[in-house]
């Protein structure tokens, strides 16, 4: 089951629980606009490389559409469509005046130089600049992108529309970014986890957690949960995974992951250190969990 099929299934289930009219349900599943563009750039060696970029603008009933732009080899129309739809529901649940959107380019940013990434980002912006904007659709960082990517988008967009710092969020502080943006999504994970545990009369402190993914979101979530007294017993990312039933040294892991570009090889657990073999299904797959085959933890 791909991401869009799963997202539509879950929405239909929620729709029936809410008693939504069938015509309204169908309308809410159809995106406002789907954009697919070809992005060809000269590489550093003089050859040409072509990529496909996407932007799905799902719904603007509550305000300008909002959602990240990701760079990853597995970016495809269904994934972007599903994530755009989820952004609509997330902004509504959080009661902020935005709709939902999502974008991405099918590429491996690790195989592109900084100058190649800049050229790709600027070409993508040139193709969609007239369809995004402060009151229309506001992009943000996502997997494989960050403040520098947003700075390139802002600069390229401003060539067409004048200086417009609000056209993207997650940009560098010097360009008008927010001091709290770097930790914001991970902090949202903390807040959502606290709310869930509160419904069961529990708190973060003393609970055991497994973190799947250790990029910006996962790393901040692990740090914040650990600071609240939670015990992180396993962490995985694209490089592999580590576990420690007594609790992983999160500050040490953060330093290791920053230096080695992943969690693989970290031996900083407090005790009973062991490394999970990455060959046992630990690489990310849309069809399976990297934790398949390992016992599911419980909140105790």
C-alpha atoms as a PDB file:
ATOM      1  CA  UNK A   1       0.000   0.000   0.000  1.00  0.00           C
ATOM      2  CA  UNK A   2       1.555   3.300  -1.042  1.00  0.00           C
ATOM      3  CA  UNK A   3       1.369   6.538   0.928  1.00  0.00           C
ATOM      4  CA  UNK A   4      -1.581   8.025  -0.970  1.00  0.00           C
ATOM      5  CA  UNK A   5      -3.721   4.898  -0.718  1.00  0.00           C
ATOM      6  CA  UNK A   6      -3.051   4.696   3.024  1.00  0.00           C
ATOM      7  CA  UNK A   7      -3.769   8.397   3.559  1.00  0.00           C
ATOM      8  CA  UNK A   8      -7.021   8.250   1.593  1.00  0.00           C
ATOM      9  CA  UNK A   9      -8.093   5.147   3.512  1.00  0.00           C
ATOM     10  CA  UNK A  10      -7.482   6.835   6.850  1.00  0.00           C
ATOM     11  CA  UNK A  11      -9.306   9.979   5.757  1.00  0.00           C
ATOM     12  CA  UNK A  12     -12.326   7.980   4.620  1.00  0.00           C
ATOM     13  CA  UNK A  13     -12.415   6.214   7.977  1.00  0.00           C
ATOM     14  CA  UNK A  14     -12.313   9.558   9.792  1.00  0.00           C
ATOM     15  CA  UNK A  15     -14.942  10.939   7.426  1.00  0.00           C
ATOM     16  CA  UNK A  16     -17.359   8.172   8.303  1.00  0.00           C
ATOM     17  CA  UNK A  17     -16.740   8.622  12.012  1.00  0.00           C
ATOM     18  CA  UNK A  18     -17.509  12.335  11.596  1.00  0.00           C
ATOM     19  CA  UNK A  19     -20.547  11.666   9.436  1.00  0.00           C
ATOM     20  CA  UNK A  20     -19.324  13.814   6.532  1.00  0.00           C
ATOM     21  CA  UNK A  21     -21.457  14.056   3.417  1.00  0.00           C
ATOM     22  CA  UNK A  22     -20.174  11.731   0.681  1.00  0.00           C
ATOM     23  CA  UNK A  23     -19.851  14.597  -1.812  1.00  0.00           C
ATOM     24  CA  UNK A  24     -17.834  16.666   0.661  1.00  0.00           C
ATOM     25  CA  UNK A  25     -15.607  13.683   1.368  1.00  0.00           C
ATOM     26  CA  UNK A  26     -14.903  13.244  -2.333  1.00  0.00           C
ATOM     27  CA  UNK A  27     -14.205  16.957  -2.752  1.00  0.00           C
ATOM     28  CA  UNK A  28     -11.723  17.021   0.125  1.00  0.00           C
ATOM     29  CA  UNK A  29      -9.736  14.166  -1.412  1.00  0.00           C
ATOM     30  CA  UNK A  30      -9.123  16.048  -4.667  1.00  0.00           C
ATOM     31  CA  UNK A  31      -6.131  18.439  -4.578  1.00  0.00           C
ATOM     32  CA  UNK A  32      -6.617  22.082  -5.520  1.00  0.00           C
ATOM     33  CA  UNK A  33      -3.660  21.868  -7.912  1.00  0.00           C
ATOM     34  CA  UNK A  34      -0.959  19.353  -8.868  1.00  0.00           C
ATOM     35  CA  UNK A  35       2.258  20.639 -10.434  1.00  0.00           C
ATOM     36  CA  UNK A  36       4.905  18.545 -12.187  1.00  0.00           C
ATOM     37  CA  UNK A  37       7.940  20.211 -13.727  1.00  0.00           C
ATOM     38  CA  UNK A  38      11.138  19.147 -15.479  1.00  0.00           C
ATOM     39  CA  UNK A  39      14.342  20.583 -14.032  1.00  0.00           C
ATOM     40  CA  UNK A  40      17.512  20.259 -16.111  1.00  0.00           C
ATOM     41  CA  UNK A  41      20.783  21.647 -14.771  1.00  0.00           C
ATOM     42  CA  UNK A  42      24.428  21.669 -15.858  1.00  0.00           C
ATOM     43  CA  UNK A  43      26.523  19.584 -13.478  1.00  0.00           C
ATOM     44  CA  UNK A  44      29.970  20.592 -12.306  1.00  0.00           C
ATOM     45  CA  UNK A  45      31.587  18.299 -14.894  1.00  0.00           C
ATOM     46  CA  UNK A  46      29.723  20.006 -17.750  1.00  0.00           C
ATOM     47  CA  UNK A  47      27.154  17.261 -18.360  1.00  0.00           C
ATOM     48  CA  UNK A  48      23.414  17.816 -18.095  1.00  0.00           C
ATOM     49  CA  UNK A  49      21.198  16.170 -15.498  1.00  0.00           C
ATOM     50  CA  UNK A  50      17.396  16.159 -15.496  1.00  0.00           C
ATOM     51  CA  UNK A  51      15.135  15.816 -12.481  1.00  0.00           C
ATOM     52  CA  UNK A  52      11.384  15.903 -11.903  1.00  0.00           C
ATOM     53  CA  UNK A  53       9.933  18.319  -9.373  1.00  0.00           C
ATOM     54  CA  UNK A  54       6.481  18.265  -7.809  1.00  0.00           C
ATOM     55  CA  UNK A  55       4.270  20.640  -5.857  1.00  0.00           C
ATOM     56  CA  UNK A  56       0.805  19.569  -4.747  1.00  0.00           C
ATOM     57  CA  UNK A  57      -1.455  22.282  -3.367  1.00  0.00           C
ATOM     58  CA  UNK A  58      -4.176  20.374  -1.589  1.00  0.00           C
ATOM     59  CA  UNK A  59      -6.544  22.872   0.022  1.00  0.00           C
ATOM     60  CA  UNK A  60      -6.694  26.618   0.713  1.00  0.00           C
ATOM     61  CA  UNK A  61     -10.066  26.890   2.457  1.00  0.00           C
ATOM     62  CA  UNK A  62      -8.460  27.980   5.742  1.00  0.00           C
ATOM     63  CA  UNK A  63      -5.724  30.180   4.289  1.00  0.00           C
ATOM     64  CA  UNK A  64      -2.510  30.059   2.238  1.00  0.00           C
ATOM     65  CA  UNK A  65      -1.304  26.545   1.595  1.00  0.00           C
ATOM     66  CA  UNK A  66       1.693  25.430   3.646  1.00  0.00           C
ATOM     67  CA  UNK A  67       4.126  22.549   3.400  1.00  0.00           C
ATOM     68  CA  UNK A  68       7.717  21.488   2.965  1.00  0.00           C
ATOM     69  CA  UNK A  69       9.872  20.698  -0.039  1.00  0.00           C
ATOM     70  CA  UNK A  70      11.863  17.472   0.148  1.00  0.00           C
ATOM     71  CA  UNK A  71      14.813  16.188  -1.873  1.00  0.00           C
ATOM     72  CA  UNK A  72      14.934  12.388  -1.971  1.00  0.00           C
ATOM     73  CA  UNK A  73      15.333   9.690  -4.649  1.00  0.00           C
ATOM     74  CA  UNK A  74      11.925   8.183  -3.837  1.00  0.00           C
ATOM     75  CA  UNK A  75       9.895  11.385  -4.178  1.00  0.00           C
ATOM     76  CA  UNK A  76       6.920  10.656  -6.446  1.00  0.00           C
ATOM     77  CA  UNK A  77       3.474  12.154  -7.163  1.00  0.00           C
ATOM     78  CA  UNK A  78       1.571   9.855  -4.804  1.00  0.00           C
ATOM     79  CA  UNK A  79       3.880  10.541  -1.859  1.00  0.00           C
ATOM     80  CA  UNK A  80       3.736  14.307  -2.386  1.00  0.00           C
ATOM     81  CA  UNK A  81      -0.048  14.179  -2.804  1.00  0.00           C
ATOM     82  CA  UNK A  82      -0.448  12.225   0.435  1.00  0.00           C
ATOM     83  CA  UNK A  83       1.817  14.561   2.396  1.00  0.00           C
ATOM     84  CA  UNK A  84       0.007  17.632   1.040  1.00  0.00           C
ATOM     85  CA  UNK A  85      -3.302  16.189   2.187  1.00  0.00           C
ATOM     86  CA  UNK A  86      -1.864  15.457   5.627  1.00  0.00           C
ATOM     87  CA  UNK A  87      -0.658  19.063   5.877  1.00  0.00           C
ATOM     88  CA  UNK A  88      -4.259  20.218   5.368  1.00  0.00           C
ATOM     89  CA  UNK A  89      -5.427  18.107   8.293  1.00  0.00           C
ATOM     90  CA  UNK A  90      -2.451  19.068  10.481  1.00  0.00           C
ATOM     91  CA  UNK A  91      -2.941  22.815  10.081  1.00  0.00           C
ATOM     92  CA  UNK A  92      -6.672  22.394  10.742  1.00  0.00           C
ATOM     93  CA  UNK A  93      -6.131  20.289  13.870  1.00  0.00           C
ATOM     94  CA  UNK A  94      -3.577  22.828  15.132  1.00  0.00           C
ATOM     95  CA  UNK A  95      -6.123  25.588  14.355  1.00  0.00           C
ATOM     96  CA  UNK A  96      -3.701  27.780  12.425  1.00  0.00           C
ATOM     97  CA  UNK A  97      -4.914  29.737   9.361  1.00  0.00           C
ATOM     98  CA  UNK A  98      -3.232  27.695   6.655  1.00  0.00           C
ATOM     99  CA  UNK A  99      -4.124  25.000   4.182  1.00  0.00           C
ATOM    100  CA  UNK A 100      -1.958  22.114   3.035  1.00  0.00           C
ATOM    101  CA  UNK A 101       0.693  21.658   0.367  1.00  0.00           C
ATOM    102  CA  UNK A 102       3.856  19.650  -0.232  1.00  0.00           C
ATOM    103  CA  UNK A 103       6.642  19.562  -2.775  1.00  0.00           C
ATOM    104  CA  UNK A 104       9.757  17.703  -3.705  1.00  0.00           C
ATOM    105  CA  UNK A 105      12.337  16.770  -6.277  1.00  0.00           C
ATOM    106  CA  UNK A 106      13.320  13.204  -7.070  1.00  0.00           C
ATOM    107  CA  UNK A 107      17.055  13.414  -6.441  1.00  0.00           C
ATOM    108  CA  UNK A 108      19.744  12.233  -4.058  1.00  0.00           C
ATOM    109  CA  UNK A 109      21.138  15.400  -2.447  1.00  0.00           C
ATOM    110  CA  UNK A 110      24.103  13.423  -1.149  1.00  0.00           C
ATOM    111  CA  UNK A 111      25.248  12.840  -4.727  1.00  0.00           C
ATOM    112  CA  UNK A 112      25.033  16.513  -5.736  1.00  0.00           C
ATOM    113  CA  UNK A 113      27.534  19.240  -4.939  1.00  0.00           C
ATOM    114  CA  UNK A 114      26.457  22.415  -3.168  1.00  0.00           C
ATOM    115  CA  UNK A 115      26.559  24.352  -6.431  1.00  0.00           C
ATOM    116  CA  UNK A 116      24.513  21.663  -8.195  1.00  0.00           C
ATOM    117  CA  UNK A 117      21.905  21.751  -5.422  1.00  0.00           C
ATOM    118  CA  UNK A 118      21.738  25.521  -5.749  1.00  0.00           C
ATOM    119  CA  UNK A 119      21.209  25.342  -9.507  1.00  0.00           C
ATOM    120  CA  UNK A 120      18.537  22.665  -9.093  1.00  0.00           C
ATOM    121  CA  UNK A 121      16.701  24.685  -6.436  1.00  0.00           C
ATOM    122  CA  UNK A 122      16.781  27.854  -8.508  1.00  0.00           C
ATOM    123  CA  UNK A 123      15.491  26.093 -11.642  1.00  0.00           C
ATOM    124  CA  UNK A 124      12.680  24.499  -9.623  1.00  0.00           C
ATOM    125  CA  UNK A 125      11.781  27.916  -8.184  1.00  0.00           C
ATOM    126  CA  UNK A 126      11.738  29.439 -11.664  1.00  0.00           C
ATOM    127  CA  UNK A 127       9.213  26.800 -12.728  1.00  0.00           C
ATOM    128  CA  UNK A 128       6.813  27.325  -9.800  1.00  0.00           C
ATOM    129  CA  UNK A 129       7.367  30.951  -8.728  1.00  0.00           C
ATOM    130  CA  UNK A 130       4.061  32.155 -10.144  1.00  0.00           C
ATOM    131  CA  UNK A 131       2.175  29.443  -8.214  1.00  0.00           C
ATOM    132  CA  UNK A 132       3.623  30.094  -4.746  1.00  0.00           C
ATOM    133  CA  UNK A 133       3.577  33.252  -2.651  1.00  0.00           C
ATOM    134  CA  UNK A 134       2.922  34.845   0.714  1.00  0.00           C
ATOM    135  CA  UNK A 135      -0.861  34.667   0.315  1.00  0.00           C
ATOM    136  CA  UNK A 136      -0.924  31.559  -1.875  1.00  0.00           C
ATOM    137  CA  UNK A 137       1.505  28.791  -0.911  1.00  0.00           C
ATOM    138  CA  UNK A 138       4.432  29.039   1.510  1.00  0.00           C
ATOM    139  CA  UNK A 139       7.134  26.336   1.216  1.00  0.00           C
ATOM    140  CA  UNK A 140       9.359  25.151   4.064  1.00  0.00           C
ATOM    141  CA  UNK A 141      12.271  22.741   4.616  1.00  0.00           C
ATOM    142  CA  UNK A 142      11.711  19.002   4.697  1.00  0.00           C
ATOM    143  CA  UNK A 143      13.767  15.850   4.263  1.00  0.00           C
ATOM    144  CA  UNK A 144      16.978  16.632   2.363  1.00  0.00           C
ATOM    145  CA  UNK A 145      16.487  20.400   2.474  1.00  0.00           C
ATOM    146  CA  UNK A 146      17.162  23.108   5.038  1.00  0.00           C
ATOM    147  CA  UNK A 147      17.718  26.833   5.645  1.00  0.00           C
ATOM    148  CA  UNK A 148      20.170  27.139   2.749  1.00  0.00           C
ATOM    149  CA  UNK A 149      17.601  25.667   0.347  1.00  0.00           C
ATOM    150  CA  UNK A 150      15.022  28.164   1.571  1.00  0.00           C
ATOM    151  CA  UNK A 151      17.521  31.005   1.096  1.00  0.00           C
ATOM    152  CA  UNK A 152      17.983  30.011  -2.556  1.00  0.00           C
ATOM    153  CA  UNK A 153      14.203  29.844  -3.080  1.00  0.00           C
ATOM    154  CA  UNK A 154      13.727  33.237  -1.430  1.00  0.00           C
ATOM    155  CA  UNK A 155      16.464  34.819  -3.532  1.00  0.00           C
ATOM    156  CA  UNK A 156      15.221  33.354  -6.815  1.00  0.00           C
ATOM    157  CA  UNK A 157      11.570  34.152  -6.059  1.00  0.00           C
ATOM    158  CA  UNK A 158      12.528  37.750  -5.205  1.00  0.00           C
ATOM    159  CA  UNK A 159      13.991  38.223  -8.690  1.00  0.00           C
ATOM    160  CA  UNK A 160      10.463  37.884 -10.069  1.00  0.00           C
ATOM    161  CA  UNK A 161       8.375  39.438  -7.287  1.00  0.00           C
ATOM    162  CA  UNK A 162      10.644  41.754  -5.306  1.00  0.00           C
ATOM    163  CA  UNK A 163      12.083  41.065  -1.865  1.00  0.00           C
ATOM    164  CA  UNK A 164       9.636  38.647  -0.212  1.00  0.00           C
ATOM    165  CA  UNK A 165      11.118  37.122   2.959  1.00  0.00           C
ATOM    166  CA  UNK A 166       7.755  35.640   3.995  1.00  0.00           C
ATOM    167  CA  UNK A 167       7.535  33.432   0.889  1.00  0.00           C
ATOM    168  CA  UNK A 168       9.313  30.622   2.773  1.00  0.00           C
ATOM    169  CA  UNK A 169       9.694  29.607   6.390  1.00  0.00           C
ATOM    170  CA  UNK A 170      12.705  27.819   7.822  1.00  0.00           C
ATOM    171  CA  UNK A 171      15.100  30.305   6.238  1.00  0.00           C
ATOM    172  CA  UNK A 172      18.351  31.497   7.882  1.00  0.00           C
ATOM    173  CA  UNK A 173      18.028  33.876  10.828  1.00  0.00           C
ATOM    174  CA  UNK A 174      19.846  36.622   8.898  1.00  0.00           C
ATOM    175  CA  UNK A 175      17.129  36.517   6.239  1.00  0.00           C
ATOM    176  CA  UNK A 176      14.276  36.812   8.728  1.00  0.00           C
ATOM    177  CA  UNK A 177      14.043  33.250   9.988  1.00  0.00           C
ATOM    178  CA  UNK A 178      12.739  32.237  13.403  1.00  0.00           C
ATOM    179  CA  UNK A 179      15.104  31.423  16.251  1.00  0.00           C
ATOM    180  CA  UNK A 180      12.910  28.482  17.244  1.00  0.00           C
ATOM    181  CA  UNK A 181      12.455  26.968  13.778  1.00  0.00           C
ATOM    182  CA  UNK A 182      15.268  24.424  13.942  1.00  0.00           C
ATOM    183  CA  UNK A 183      13.716  22.624  16.907  1.00  0.00           C
ATOM    184  CA  UNK A 184      10.072  23.329  16.071  1.00  0.00           C
ATOM    185  CA  UNK A 185       9.050  20.049  14.425  1.00  0.00           C
ATOM    186  CA  UNK A 186      10.855  17.906  16.979  1.00  0.00           C
ATOM    187  CA  UNK A 187       9.237  19.955  19.735  1.00  0.00           C
ATOM    188  CA  UNK A 188       5.895  19.262  18.091  1.00  0.00           C
ATOM    189  CA  UNK A 189       6.642  15.544  18.419  1.00  0.00           C
ATOM    190  CA  UNK A 190       7.281  16.132  22.126  1.00  0.00           C
ATOM    191  CA  UNK A 191       3.996  18.023  22.569  1.00  0.00           C
ATOM    192  CA  UNK A 192       2.002  15.359  20.702  1.00  0.00           C
ATOM    193  CA  UNK A 193       3.636  12.598  22.748  1.00  0.00           C
ATOM    194  CA  UNK A 194       2.884  14.439  25.986  1.00  0.00           C
ATOM    195  CA  UNK A 195      -0.760  14.842  24.952  1.00  0.00           C
ATOM    196  CA  UNK A 196      -1.067  11.145  24.092  1.00  0.00           C
ATOM    197  CA  UNK A 197       0.496  10.008  27.361  1.00  0.00           C
ATOM    198  CA  UNK A 198      -1.637  12.466  29.315  1.00  0.00           C
ATOM    199  CA  UNK A 199      -4.764  10.734  28.010  1.00  0.00           C
ATOM    200  CA  UNK A 200      -3.488   7.571  29.692  1.00  0.00           C
ATOM    201  CA  UNK A 201      -2.483   9.294  32.917  1.00  0.00           C
ATOM    202  CA  UNK A 202       1.230   9.111  32.140  1.00  0.00           C
ATOM    203  CA  UNK A 203       4.097  11.547  31.590  1.00  0.00           C
ATOM    204  CA  UNK A 204       7.268  11.483  29.492  1.00  0.00           C
ATOM    205  CA  UNK A 205       9.451  10.806  32.521  1.00  0.00           C
ATOM    206  CA  UNK A 206      10.217   7.123  32.981  1.00  0.00           C
ATOM    207  CA  UNK A 207       8.771   5.986  29.639  1.00  0.00           C
ATOM    208  CA  UNK A 208      10.815   4.097  27.040  1.00  0.00           C
ATOM    209  CA  UNK A 209      11.002   5.361  23.456  1.00  0.00           C
ATOM    210  CA  UNK A 210      12.236   4.219  20.060  1.00  0.00           C
ATOM    211  CA  UNK A 211      13.138   6.892  17.499  1.00  0.00           C
ATOM    212  CA  UNK A 212      12.891   6.012  13.797  1.00  0.00           C
ATOM    213  CA  UNK A 213      14.877   8.591  11.843  1.00  0.00           C
ATOM    214  CA  UNK A 214      17.611  10.797  13.274  1.00  0.00           C
ATOM    215  CA  UNK A 215      17.606  13.837  11.047  1.00  0.00           C
ATOM    216  CA  UNK A 216      16.494  17.250  12.258  1.00  0.00           C
ATOM    217  CA  UNK A 217      13.116  16.053  13.564  1.00  0.00           C
ATOM    218  CA  UNK A 218      14.207  12.787  15.147  1.00  0.00           C
ATOM    219  CA  UNK A 219      17.337  14.248  16.704  1.00  0.00           C
ATOM    220  CA  UNK A 220      15.481  17.134  18.313  1.00  0.00           C
ATOM    221  CA  UNK A 221      12.656  14.846  19.457  1.00  0.00           C
ATOM    222  CA  UNK A 222      15.182  12.499  21.067  1.00  0.00           C
ATOM    223  CA  UNK A 223      16.976  15.365  22.785  1.00  0.00           C
ATOM    224  CA  UNK A 224      13.791  16.979  24.107  1.00  0.00           C
ATOM    225  CA  UNK A 225      12.240  13.689  25.241  1.00  0.00           C
ATOM    226  CA  UNK A 226      15.482  12.774  26.988  1.00  0.00           C
ATOM    227  CA  UNK A 227      15.553  16.153  28.744  1.00  0.00           C
ATOM    228  CA  UNK A 228      12.028  15.458  30.026  1.00  0.00           C
ATOM    229  CA  UNK A 229      13.167  12.192  31.596  1.00  0.00           C
ATOM    230  CA  UNK A 230      12.221   9.812  28.801  1.00  0.00           C
ATOM    231  CA  UNK A 231      14.524   6.864  28.101  1.00  0.00           C
ATOM    232  CA  UNK A 232      15.528   6.416  24.461  1.00  0.00           C
ATOM    233  CA  UNK A 233      16.299   2.699  24.079  1.00  0.00           C
ATOM    234  CA  UNK A 234      16.738   2.475  20.279  1.00  0.00           C
ATOM    235  CA  UNK A 235      17.397   4.799  17.363  1.00  0.00           C
ATOM    236  CA  UNK A 236      17.514   4.088  13.629  1.00  0.00           C
ATOM    237  CA  UNK A 237      18.299   6.048  10.500  1.00  0.00           C
ATOM    238  CA  UNK A 238      19.258   5.242   6.919  1.00  0.00           C
ATOM    239  CA  UNK A 239      22.735   4.083   8.020  1.00  0.00           C
ATOM    240  CA  UNK A 240      21.549   1.490  10.546  1.00  0.00           C
ATOM    241  CA  UNK A 241      20.344   1.356  14.127  1.00  0.00           C
ATOM    242  CA  UNK A 242      21.506   1.089  17.721  1.00  0.00           C
ATOM    243  CA  UNK A 243      19.781  -0.099  20.867  1.00  0.00           C
ATOM    244  CA  UNK A 244      20.401  -0.100  24.602  1.00  0.00           C
ATOM    245  CA  UNK A 245      17.750  -1.284  27.039  1.00  0.00           C
ATOM    246  CA  UNK A 246      19.262   0.875  29.791  1.00  0.00           C
ATOM    247  CA  UNK A 247      19.088   4.042  27.704  1.00  0.00           C
ATOM    248  CA  UNK A 248      21.193   5.615  24.953  1.00  0.00           C
ATOM    249  CA  UNK A 249      23.503   8.552  25.663  1.00  0.00           C
ATOM    250  CA  UNK A 250      21.640  11.068  23.491  1.00  0.00           C
ATOM    251  CA  UNK A 251      24.155  13.977  23.722  1.00  0.00           C
ATOM    252  CA  UNK A 252      26.887  11.549  22.696  1.00  0.00           C
ATOM    253  CA  UNK A 253      24.776  10.172  19.865  1.00  0.00           C
ATOM    254  CA  UNK A 254      24.034  13.675  18.582  1.00  0.00           C
ATOM    255  CA  UNK A 255      27.762  14.408  18.421  1.00  0.00           C
ATOM    256  CA  UNK A 256      28.490  11.067  16.748  1.00  0.00           C
ATOM    257  CA  UNK A 257      25.701  11.450  14.167  1.00  0.00           C
ATOM    258  CA  UNK A 258      26.890  14.948  13.287  1.00  0.00           C
ATOM    259  CA  UNK A 259      30.474  13.774  12.799  1.00  0.00           C
ATOM    260  CA  UNK A 260      29.712  10.488  11.014  1.00  0.00           C
ATOM    261  CA  UNK A 261      26.521  11.432   9.124  1.00  0.00           C
ATOM    262  CA  UNK A 262      24.441   8.789  10.875  1.00  0.00           C
ATOM    263  CA  UNK A 263      23.980   6.637  13.964  1.00  0.00           C
ATOM    264  CA  UNK A 264      25.859   3.605  12.642  1.00  0.00           C
ATOM    265  CA  UNK A 265      28.938   2.762  14.685  1.00  0.00           C
ATOM    266  CA  UNK A 266      27.892   4.606  17.845  1.00  0.00           C
ATOM    267  CA  UNK A 267      28.854   2.824  21.056  1.00  0.00           C
ATOM    268  CA  UNK A 268      27.796   5.391  23.642  1.00  0.00           C
ATOM    269  CA  UNK A 269      24.951   3.572  25.359  1.00  0.00           C
ATOM    270  CA  UNK A 270      25.138   3.583  29.115  1.00  0.00           C
ATOM    271  CA  UNK A 271      25.346  -0.221  29.342  1.00  0.00           C
ATOM    272  CA  UNK A 272      24.579  -3.440  27.465  1.00  0.00           C
ATOM    273  CA  UNK A 273      25.734  -1.729  24.290  1.00  0.00           C
ATOM    274  CA  UNK A 274      24.881  -3.508  21.083  1.00  0.00           C
ATOM    275  CA  UNK A 275      24.588  -2.628  17.434  1.00  0.00           C
ATOM    276  CA  UNK A 276      21.608  -3.799  15.406  1.00  0.00           C
ATOM    277  CA  UNK A 277      22.697  -5.367  12.141  1.00  0.00           C
ATOM    278  CA  UNK A 278      21.596  -3.031   9.283  1.00  0.00           C
ATOM    279  CA  UNK A 279      21.113  -6.064   7.038  1.00  0.00           C
ATOM    280  CA  UNK A 280      18.075  -7.090   9.084  1.00  0.00           C
ATOM    281  CA  UNK A 281      15.631  -4.786   7.353  1.00  0.00           C
ATOM    282  CA  UNK A 282      16.872  -1.486   8.751  1.00  0.00           C
ATOM    283  CA  UNK A 283      17.001   0.528   5.556  1.00  0.00           C
ATOM    284  CA  UNK A 284      13.909   2.653   5.134  1.00  0.00           C
ATOM    285  CA  UNK A 285      11.210   1.204   2.936  1.00  0.00           C
ATOM    286  CA  UNK A 286       7.715   2.480   2.245  1.00  0.00           C
ATOM    287  CA  UNK A 287       6.460  -1.098   2.442  1.00  0.00           C
ATOM    288  CA  UNK A 288       8.011  -2.210   5.718  1.00  0.00           C
ATOM    289  CA  UNK A 289       9.217  -0.926   9.054  1.00  0.00           C
ATOM    290  CA  UNK A 290      12.917  -0.942   9.925  1.00  0.00           C
ATOM    291  CA  UNK A 291      11.867  -2.331  13.319  1.00  0.00           C
ATOM    292  CA  UNK A 292      10.173  -5.409  11.853  1.00  0.00           C
ATOM    293  CA  UNK A 293      11.373  -8.466  13.715  1.00  0.00           C
ATOM    294  CA  UNK A 294      12.044  -6.624  16.969  1.00  0.00           C
ATOM    295  CA  UNK A 295       9.705  -6.665  19.936  1.00  0.00           C
ATOM    296  CA  UNK A 296       7.395  -3.674  20.171  1.00  0.00           C
ATOM    297  CA  UNK A 297       7.941  -1.616  23.307  1.00  0.00           C
ATOM    298  CA  UNK A 298       5.275  -0.775  25.840  1.00  0.00           C
ATOM    299  CA  UNK A 299       4.732   2.292  27.989  1.00  0.00           C
ATOM    300  CA  UNK A 300       5.409   1.202  31.544  1.00  0.00           C
END
